[in-house]
Protein backbone atom coordinates (compact mmCIF):
# COMPACT_ATOMS: atom_id res chain seq x y z
CA MET A 1 12.10 3.12 20.13
CA SER A 2 15.42 1.58 20.88
CA LEU A 3 17.92 0.73 18.20
CA ALA A 4 17.59 -2.96 19.08
CA GLN A 5 14.02 -2.96 17.77
CA TRP A 6 15.23 -2.06 14.30
CA VAL A 7 18.07 -4.57 14.05
CA GLU A 8 17.17 -7.05 11.37
CA ARG A 9 18.36 -10.60 11.04
CA ALA A 10 17.81 -12.69 7.95
CA ILE A 11 16.53 -16.24 8.15
CA THR A 12 15.96 -18.55 5.21
CA VAL A 13 12.39 -19.63 4.45
CA ASP A 14 11.87 -21.87 1.42
CA GLY A 15 15.32 -20.90 0.16
CA GLN A 16 14.60 -17.16 0.33
CA PRO A 17 16.09 -14.76 2.89
CA GLU A 18 13.42 -13.17 5.09
CA PRO A 19 14.09 -10.24 7.43
CA VAL A 20 13.18 -10.72 11.07
CA ARG A 21 12.89 -7.80 13.47
CA LEU A 22 12.60 -9.60 16.77
CA GLY A 23 12.44 -6.44 18.89
CA VAL A 24 9.48 -5.11 16.92
CA TRP A 25 7.66 -8.45 17.16
CA LEU A 26 8.36 -8.73 20.88
CA SER A 27 7.16 -5.19 21.58
CA GLY A 28 3.96 -5.76 19.59
CA THR A 29 3.29 -9.10 21.27
CA LYS A 30 3.83 -7.61 24.72
CA SER A 31 1.46 -4.73 24.00
CA ARG A 32 -1.23 -7.23 22.91
CA ARG A 33 -0.69 -9.70 25.76
CA ASP A 34 -4.24 -9.18 27.05
CA ARG A 35 -5.46 -10.79 23.80
CA LEU A 36 -3.17 -13.84 23.95
CA ASN A 37 -4.64 -17.15 25.03
CA THR A 38 -3.32 -19.21 27.94
CA ASP A 39 -1.29 -21.54 25.72
CA GLN A 40 0.44 -18.61 24.02
CA LEU A 41 1.24 -16.92 27.33
CA THR A 42 2.52 -20.19 28.78
CA ALA A 43 4.82 -20.73 25.79
CA LEU A 44 6.22 -17.21 26.10
CA ALA A 45 6.69 -17.59 29.87
CA LYS A 46 8.64 -20.83 29.27
CA LEU A 47 10.94 -18.85 26.97
CA GLY A 48 11.69 -16.46 29.85
CA MET A 49 9.25 -13.64 29.14
CA ASP A 50 8.43 -12.55 32.70
CA TRP A 51 5.62 -10.31 31.47
CA ALA A 52 3.79 -13.39 30.09
CA LYS A 53 3.46 -15.09 33.47
CA ALA A 54 0.05 -15.27 35.09
CA VAL A 55 -0.74 -12.39 37.37
CA THR A 56 -2.61 -13.13 40.55
CA ILE A 57 -4.85 -10.28 41.61
CA PRO A 58 -5.30 -10.27 45.37
CA GLN A 59 -8.88 -10.43 46.53
CA ALA A 60 -10.14 -8.13 49.23
CA ALA A 61 -10.69 -9.84 52.56
CA PRO A 62 -14.36 -10.28 53.43
CA ASP A 63 -15.72 -7.92 56.06
CA SER A 64 -15.53 -9.50 59.48
CA ALA A 65 -18.10 -7.12 60.96
């Protein structure tokens, strides 16, 4: 794992500091992308996550014989 995955930032939630490890969240989300719904993938793609964009699988051409 890269060092960036372990860098923590604190945000305030209800007046309490909460640690956020964005790299860990991003890595976990990417590894579970096959279980994300279309809306979730679209939102991530809009944020610039290239791996969240729809993948078009080419279809084999029908036999012409």
